[in-house]
C-alpha atoms as a PDB file:
ATOM      1  CA  MET A   1      15.753  17.194 -22.137  1.00  0.00           C
ATOM      2  CA  ILE A   2      16.346  13.428 -23.364  1.00  0.00           C
ATOM      3  CA  SER A   3      12.926  12.108 -24.808  1.00  0.00           C
ATOM      4  CA  ASP A   4      11.350   8.863 -23.243  1.00  0.00           C
ATOM      5  CA  THR A   5      13.223   7.623 -26.970  1.00  0.00           C
ATOM      6  CA  THR A   6      15.843   8.007 -26.423  1.00  0.00           C
ATOM      7  CA  TRP A   7      15.698   6.405 -22.769  1.00  0.00           C
ATOM      8  CA  ILE A   8      13.843   3.564 -23.333  1.00  0.00           C
ATOM      9  CA  ARG A   9      17.224   3.225 -26.132  1.00  0.00           C
ATOM     10  CA  GLN A  10      19.723   2.785 -23.662  1.00  0.00           C
ATOM     11  CA  GLU A  11      17.849   1.321 -21.439  1.00  0.00           C
ATOM     12  CA  LEU A  12      17.213  -1.867 -23.654  1.00  0.00           C
ATOM     13  CA  PRO A  13      20.960  -4.023 -23.559  1.00  0.00           C
ATOM     14  CA  ASP A  14      19.597  -3.859 -19.307  1.00  0.00           C
ATOM     15  CA  VAL A  15      16.352  -4.919 -19.622  1.00  0.00           C
ATOM     16  CA  ALA A  16      17.712  -7.567 -22.945  1.00  0.00           C
ATOM     17  CA  ARG A  17      19.548  -8.990 -19.590  1.00  0.00           C
ATOM     18  CA  LEU A  18      17.212  -9.015 -17.308  1.00  0.00           C
ATOM     19  CA  PHE A  19      15.408 -11.788 -20.088  1.00  0.00           C
ATOM     20  CA  GLU A  20      17.737 -13.832 -20.611  1.00  0.00           C
ATOM     21  CA  ASP A  21      18.286 -14.204 -16.605  1.00  0.00           C
ATOM     22  CA  GLU A  22      14.770 -14.943 -16.174  1.00  0.00           C
ATOM     23  CA  CYS A  23      14.962 -17.543 -19.000  1.00  0.00           C
ATOM     24  CA  ARG A  24      17.713 -18.978 -18.159  1.00  0.00           C
ATOM     25  CA  THR A  25      16.450 -19.789 -14.330  1.00  0.00           C
ATOM     26  CA  GLU A  26      13.067 -20.302 -16.090  1.00  0.00           C
ATOM     27  CA  SER A  27      14.403 -23.116 -18.655  1.00  0.00           C
ATOM     28  CA  GLU A  28      16.140 -24.852 -15.558  1.00  0.00           C
ATOM     29  CA  TYR A  29      13.009 -24.801 -13.424  1.00  0.00           C
ATOM     30  CA  ARG A  30      11.710 -26.472 -16.212  1.00  0.00           C
ATOM     31  CA  GLY A  31      14.566 -28.331 -17.169  1.00  0.00           C
ATOM     32  CA  ARG A  32      13.650 -27.498 -20.815  1.00  0.00           C
ATOM     33  CA  PRO A  33      14.426 -24.097 -23.003  1.00  0.00           C
ATOM     34  CA  VAL A  34      12.050 -20.984 -22.250  1.00  0.00           C
ATOM     35  CA  ASN A  35      12.271 -18.097 -24.477  1.00  0.00           C
ATOM     36  CA  GLU A  36      10.967 -15.400 -23.706  1.00  0.00           C
ATOM     37  CA  HIS A  37       8.240 -14.975 -25.097  1.00  0.00           C
ATOM     38  CA  ASP A  38       6.941 -17.181 -22.007  1.00  0.00           C
ATOM     39  CA  PRO A  39       4.403 -15.229 -20.348  1.00  0.00           C
ATOM     40  CA  VAL A  40       6.437 -16.536 -17.215  1.00  0.00           C
ATOM     41  CA  VAL A  41       9.238 -15.135 -18.178  1.00  0.00           C
ATOM     42  CA  ARG A  42       7.740 -11.670 -18.898  1.00  0.00           C
ATOM     43  CA  THR A  43       5.911 -11.356 -16.084  1.00  0.00           C
ATOM     44  CA  ARG A  44       9.427 -11.540 -13.898  1.00  0.00           C
ATOM     45  CA  VAL A  45      10.307  -9.224 -16.010  1.00  0.00           C
ATOM     46  CA  ALA A  46       7.640  -6.460 -15.573  1.00  0.00           C
ATOM     47  CA  ASP A  47       7.896  -7.153 -12.362  1.00  0.00           C
ATOM     48  CA  ARG A  48      11.032  -6.132 -11.320  1.00  0.00           C
ATOM     49  CA  LEU A  49      11.096  -3.216 -13.797  1.00  0.00           C
ATOM     50  CA  LEU A  50       7.986  -2.098 -11.983  1.00  0.00           C
ATOM     51  CA  ASN A  51       9.754  -3.215  -8.760  1.00  0.00           C
ATOM     52  CA  GLY A  52      12.813  -1.101  -8.999  1.00  0.00           C
ATOM     53  CA  ALA A  53      15.451  -2.241 -11.517  1.00  0.00           C
ATOM     54  CA  GLY A  54      14.453   0.190 -14.030  1.00  0.00           C
ATOM     55  CA  GLU A  55      15.473   3.231 -11.879  1.00  0.00           C
ATOM     56  CA  ARG A  56      18.437   1.777 -10.724  1.00  0.00           C
ATOM     57  CA  ILE A  57      19.224   1.965 -14.986  1.00  0.00           C
ATOM     58  CA  ARG A  58      18.421   5.004 -14.933  1.00  0.00           C
ATOM     59  CA  ARG A  59      20.848   5.761 -11.956  1.00  0.00           C
ATOM     60  CA  ARG A  60      23.604   3.938 -13.547  1.00  0.00           C
ATOM     61  CA  MET A  61      23.183   5.496 -16.757  1.00  0.00           C
ATOM     62  CA  ILE A  62      23.415   8.777 -15.572  1.00  0.00           C
ATOM     63  CA  ARG A  63      26.179   8.275 -12.880  1.00  0.00           C
ATOM     64  CA  ARG A  64      27.973   7.149 -16.342  1.00  0.00           C
ATOM     65  CA  GLY A  65      27.287   9.804 -17.847  1.00  0.00           C
ATOM     66  CA  VAL A  66      25.153   8.913 -20.733  1.00  0.00           C
ATOM     67  CA  PHE A  67      21.981  10.726 -20.157  1.00  0.00           C
ATOM     68  CA  PRO A  68      21.755  14.417 -17.183  1.00  0.00           C
ATOM     69  CA  GLU A  69      20.085  14.138 -14.324  1.00  0.00           C
ATOM     70  CA  THR A  70      16.293  14.710 -15.432  1.00  0.00           C
ATOM     71  CA  GLU A  71      13.859  17.281 -13.312  1.00  0.00           C
END
């Protein structure tokens, strides 16, 4: 069985891309740079992960053969 830590480490690049997307979007909206620590950015990333992005990331990794399917 694969540990939760392994799953999380493998998902980090995809989560980083979510942060980049949200930083870029919020920066465009505000007209100035915004970093990943901004509360609006953090909330949007959390919402995206909780609303299905996390599950899509896992399914993509399973399809790529990075991890076997779990129970």
